[in-house]
Amino acid sequence: MAEMKAIVFDVYGTLFDVQSVQEACEQQFPEKGESISSLWRSKQLEYAFLRQLMGQYEPFNDVTRDALRYALETHECKYKDEIIQKLMDAYNQLRPYEETEEVLQQVQDKKLAVFSNGPDGMLDPLLRNADLAQYFDAIVSVDEIKQYKPATASYAYLLKQLDVKREEVLFLSSNSWDIAGAANFGFHTAWINRKGAPAERLGHNPDKEYENLKGLIEKNNL
């Protein structure tokens, strides 16, 4: 593998635990928090993918809100707008994985970026609340080009912002579909396979596979 000049991190599920929002869901809807948060996440991704296919882009915060409403209605939960807002606010305070900051501190010799389907309005408060924004040279959102990952155009836009060659980029994500999209574009990839899931059958395997982000800094992996 060529020397990596830039390391790019996906956000949701990679740096931050998206299921940590279940605590807020549980507070509002006792005994349903885990199930609601799980469906919320799956519909969030599904709606983003479907809108991409339909050519009807909507910002990720709107997609996330729609997915939340669907999850609550599926669970027959009665809600008001203020409850929706409380849960959306909780999404800006997701818990970073315990190793996240330590790993970011140890790779400061590289150009670091985050690349997410989330817009600045979601990413900025999330990174600020966790005190992680300081570690990144660039915070890039697909909202700037209105092409959700794993569309090829989204990764091409990211590359322009980094000002490096695509073979000099190491892209990390816990989402296997994101890894496949980045590999398809020509990035080197490392899959953060936190759940020990099998590889996707999308024609592209990751260059590296780690249980968590610490794999990046162990055994001279850079």
Protein backbone atom coordinates (compact mmCIF):
# COMPACT_ATOMS: atom_id res chain seq x y z
CA MET A 1 0.00 0.00 0.00
CA ALA A 2 1.29 3.46 -0.93
CA GLU A 3 2.05 5.96 1.79
CA MET A 4 -1.17 7.49 3.04
CA LYS A 5 -1.21 11.29 3.13
CA ALA A 6 -4.86 11.64 4.17
CA ILE A 7 -7.05 9.62 6.49
CA VAL A 8 -10.78 10.05 6.11
CA PHE A 9 -13.28 8.94 8.73
CA ASP A 10 -16.95 8.27 8.31
CA VAL A 11 -18.89 9.67 11.29
CA TYR A 12 -22.01 7.70 12.20
CA GLY A 13 -21.09 4.26 13.50
CA THR A 14 -17.38 4.87 12.94
CA LEU A 15 -16.42 7.72 15.27
CA PHE A 16 -19.77 7.84 17.10
CA ASP A 17 -22.10 5.16 18.42
CA VAL A 18 -25.43 5.81 16.67
CA GLN A 19 -27.18 3.46 19.07
CA SER A 20 -26.28 5.64 22.04
CA VAL A 21 -29.40 7.61 21.09
CA GLN A 22 -31.47 4.74 22.46
CA GLU A 23 -31.08 6.22 25.95
CA ALA A 24 -33.00 9.31 24.87
CA CYS A 25 -35.56 7.13 23.11
CA GLU A 26 -35.99 5.05 26.26
CA GLN A 27 -36.60 8.16 28.36
CA GLN A 28 -39.44 9.20 26.11
CA PHE A 29 -40.84 5.72 25.41
CA PRO A 30 -39.97 3.24 28.19
CA GLU A 31 -39.21 -0.35 27.14
CA LYS A 32 -39.11 0.65 23.47
CA GLY A 33 -35.88 2.63 23.30
CA GLU A 34 -33.64 -0.05 21.81
CA SER A 35 -36.15 -1.12 19.20
CA ILE A 36 -36.98 2.45 18.20
CA SER A 37 -33.34 3.49 17.84
CA SER A 38 -32.53 0.40 15.77
CA LEU A 39 -35.40 0.97 13.34
CA TRP A 40 -34.64 4.69 13.27
CA ARG A 41 -31.12 4.01 12.02
CA SER A 42 -32.12 1.42 9.43
CA LYS A 43 -34.85 3.63 7.98
CA GLN A 44 -32.50 6.63 8.01
CA LEU A 45 -30.11 4.80 5.69
CA GLU A 46 -32.89 3.29 3.60
CA TYR A 47 -34.50 6.68 3.00
CA ALA A 48 -31.16 8.21 2.00
CA PHE A 49 -30.48 5.41 -0.48
CA LEU A 50 -34.01 5.53 -1.91
CA ARG A 51 -33.94 9.29 -2.34
CA GLN A 52 -30.61 8.97 -4.14
CA LEU A 53 -32.13 6.44 -6.55
CA MET A 54 -35.24 8.57 -7.02
CA GLY A 55 -33.22 11.71 -7.69
CA GLN A 56 -35.02 13.47 -4.84
CA TYR A 57 -32.26 14.63 -2.53
CA GLU A 58 -33.20 15.92 0.91
CA PRO A 59 -30.69 16.95 3.61
CA PHE A 60 -29.77 14.16 6.00
CA ASN A 61 -31.37 15.92 8.96
CA ASP A 62 -34.71 15.86 7.13
CA VAL A 63 -34.19 12.21 6.21
CA THR A 64 -33.32 11.48 9.83
CA ARG A 65 -36.46 13.23 11.06
CA ASP A 66 -38.66 11.33 8.61
CA ALA A 67 -37.06 8.04 9.69
CA LEU A 68 -37.71 8.88 13.34
CA ARG A 69 -41.38 9.58 12.68
CA TYR A 70 -41.67 6.26 10.85
CA ALA A 71 -39.99 4.40 13.72
CA LEU A 72 -42.30 5.97 16.30
CA GLU A 73 -45.41 5.30 14.26
CA THR A 74 -44.35 1.69 13.71
CA HIS A 75 -44.13 1.30 17.49
CA GLU A 76 -47.51 3.02 17.89
CA CYS A 77 -45.94 5.80 19.94
CA LYS A 78 -47.87 9.01 20.33
CA TYR A 79 -45.64 12.04 19.97
CA LYS A 80 -45.64 15.80 19.67
CA ASP A 81 -43.23 18.02 17.79
CA GLU A 82 -41.28 18.79 20.96
CA ILE A 83 -40.53 15.09 21.46
CA ILE A 84 -39.28 14.83 17.89
CA GLN A 85 -37.03 17.82 18.51
CA LYS A 86 -35.67 16.37 21.76
CA LEU A 87 -34.71 13.15 20.00
CA MET A 88 -33.21 15.04 17.06
CA ASP A 89 -31.18 17.10 19.54
CA ALA A 90 -29.99 13.84 21.10
CA TYR A 91 -28.55 12.90 17.70
CA ASN A 92 -26.20 15.87 18.05
CA GLN A 93 -24.89 14.40 21.29
CA LEU A 94 -24.11 10.85 20.24
CA ARG A 95 -21.39 9.19 22.30
CA PRO A 96 -18.00 8.77 20.60
CA TYR A 97 -16.49 5.32 20.86
CA GLU A 98 -14.07 5.03 23.74
CA GLU A 99 -11.01 4.75 21.50
CA THR A 100 -11.93 7.57 19.11
CA GLU A 101 -10.01 10.47 20.65
CA GLU A 102 -6.92 8.40 21.45
CA VAL A 103 -6.63 7.26 17.85
CA LEU A 104 -7.15 10.76 16.45
CA GLN A 105 -4.40 12.07 18.73
CA GLN A 106 -1.94 9.52 17.39
CA VAL A 107 -2.43 10.16 13.67
CA GLN A 108 -2.01 13.94 13.67
CA ASP A 109 0.93 13.64 11.28
CA LYS A 110 -1.58 12.91 8.49
CA LYS A 111 -4.20 15.14 6.91
CA LEU A 112 -7.40 14.16 8.71
CA ALA A 113 -10.95 14.61 7.48
CA VAL A 114 -14.44 13.45 8.19
CA PHE A 115 -16.78 12.67 5.32
CA SER A 116 -20.43 12.13 6.08
CA ASN A 117 -23.93 12.05 4.68
CA GLY A 118 -24.78 14.42 7.52
CA PRO A 119 -24.91 18.17 6.76
CA ASP A 120 -22.87 20.78 8.60
CA GLY A 121 -25.85 21.48 10.82
CA MET A 122 -25.55 17.98 12.23
CA LEU A 123 -21.78 17.47 12.04
CA ASP A 124 -20.64 20.75 13.60
CA PRO A 125 -22.57 20.41 16.89
CA LEU A 126 -21.81 16.69 17.10
CA LEU A 127 -18.04 17.17 16.80
CA ARG A 128 -18.11 20.27 18.98
CA ASN A 129 -20.07 18.60 21.77
CA ALA A 130 -17.56 15.76 21.81
CA ASP A 131 -14.61 18.19 21.57
CA LEU A 132 -13.28 16.39 18.49
CA ALA A 133 -13.44 19.07 15.79
CA GLN A 134 -9.93 20.24 16.74
CA TYR A 135 -8.38 17.08 15.32
CA PHE A 136 -9.60 17.51 11.73
CA ASP A 137 -8.22 19.51 8.83
CA ALA A 138 -11.48 19.19 6.88
CA ILE A 139 -15.10 18.41 7.64
CA VAL A 140 -16.77 17.43 4.38
CA SER A 141 -20.46 16.73 3.84
CA VAL A 142 -22.27 15.25 0.85
CA ASP A 143 -24.77 18.06 1.36
CA GLU A 144 -22.31 20.32 -0.47
CA ILE A 145 -22.79 18.28 -3.65
CA LYS A 146 -26.18 16.68 -2.84
CA GLN A 147 -25.04 13.17 -3.70
CA TYR A 148 -25.29 10.62 -0.91
CA LYS A 149 -22.61 8.05 -0.34
CA PRO A 150 -21.97 5.55 -1.88
CA ALA A 151 -22.49 7.53 -5.11
CA THR A 152 -19.21 7.87 -7.02
CA ALA A 153 -19.75 11.63 -7.34
CA SER A 154 -19.66 12.03 -3.56
CA TYR A 155 -16.20 10.49 -3.20
CA ALA A 156 -14.95 12.49 -6.19
CA TYR A 157 -16.07 15.66 -4.43
CA LEU A 158 -14.25 14.61 -1.27
CA LEU A 159 -11.04 14.03 -3.21
CA LYS A 160 -11.15 17.59 -4.58
CA GLN A 161 -11.37 18.97 -1.05
CA LEU A 162 -8.37 16.95 0.13
CA ASP A 163 -5.96 17.99 -2.64
CA VAL A 164 -4.22 14.59 -2.71
CA LYS A 165 -4.24 11.65 -5.10
CA ARG A 166 -6.91 9.02 -4.58
CA GLU A 167 -4.27 6.34 -3.93
CA GLU A 168 -2.98 8.48 -1.06
CA VAL A 169 -6.30 8.33 0.80
CA LEU A 170 -7.17 5.81 3.49
CA PHE A 171 -10.91 5.74 4.08
CA LEU A 172 -12.34 4.25 7.27
CA SER A 173 -15.96 3.33 7.91
CA SER A 174 -17.96 0.88 9.98
CA ASN A 175 -20.54 0.78 7.19
CA SER A 176 -19.63 -1.95 4.73
CA TRP A 177 -21.63 -0.31 1.92
CA ASP A 178 -19.55 2.85 2.45
CA ILE A 179 -16.34 0.82 2.27
CA ALA A 180 -17.51 -0.74 -0.99
CA GLY A 181 -18.31 2.68 -2.43
CA ALA A 182 -14.96 4.14 -1.42
CA ALA A 183 -13.06 1.11 -2.76
CA ASN A 184 -15.01 1.32 -6.01
CA PHE A 185 -13.84 4.92 -6.37
CA GLY A 186 -10.22 3.93 -5.81
CA PHE A 187 -9.51 4.80 -2.18
CA HIS A 188 -7.64 2.46 0.12
CA THR A 189 -10.08 1.27 2.74
CA ALA A 190 -10.21 -0.05 6.28
CA TRP A 191 -13.46 -1.54 7.49
CA ILE A 192 -14.19 -1.01 11.20
CA ASN A 193 -16.15 -4.21 11.65
CA ARG A 194 -17.37 -3.70 15.21
CA LYS A 195 -20.01 -6.42 15.03
CA GLY A 196 -17.98 -9.14 13.34
CA ALA A 197 -20.30 -9.09 10.33
CA PRO A 198 -19.59 -11.05 7.15
CA ALA A 199 -18.23 -9.20 4.15
CA GLU A 200 -20.72 -7.66 1.74
CA ARG A 201 -21.11 -9.17 -1.72
CA LEU A 202 -20.66 -5.93 -3.63
CA GLY A 203 -17.52 -6.76 -5.56
CA HIS A 204 -15.11 -4.76 -3.39
CA ASN A 205 -13.36 -5.98 -0.26
CA PRO A 206 -11.58 -3.68 2.22
CA ASP A 207 -7.79 -3.51 2.21
CA LYS A 208 -7.84 -3.81 6.00
CA GLU A 209 -10.38 -4.95 8.57
CA TYR A 210 -10.27 -3.96 12.24
CA GLU A 211 -12.49 -4.63 15.25
CA ASN A 212 -12.31 -0.96 16.20
CA LEU A 213 -10.35 2.18 15.39
CA LYS A 214 -7.34 1.07 17.42
CA GLY A 215 -6.44 -1.26 14.55
CA LEU A 216 -5.34 1.82 12.66
CA ILE A 217 -2.48 2.55 15.07
CA GLU A 218 -1.42 -1.00 15.90
CA LYS A 219 1.22 -3.13 14.18
CA ASN A 220 2.44 -0.32 11.93
CA ASN A 221 -0.78 -0.35 9.94
CA LEU A 222 0.08 3.04 8.45
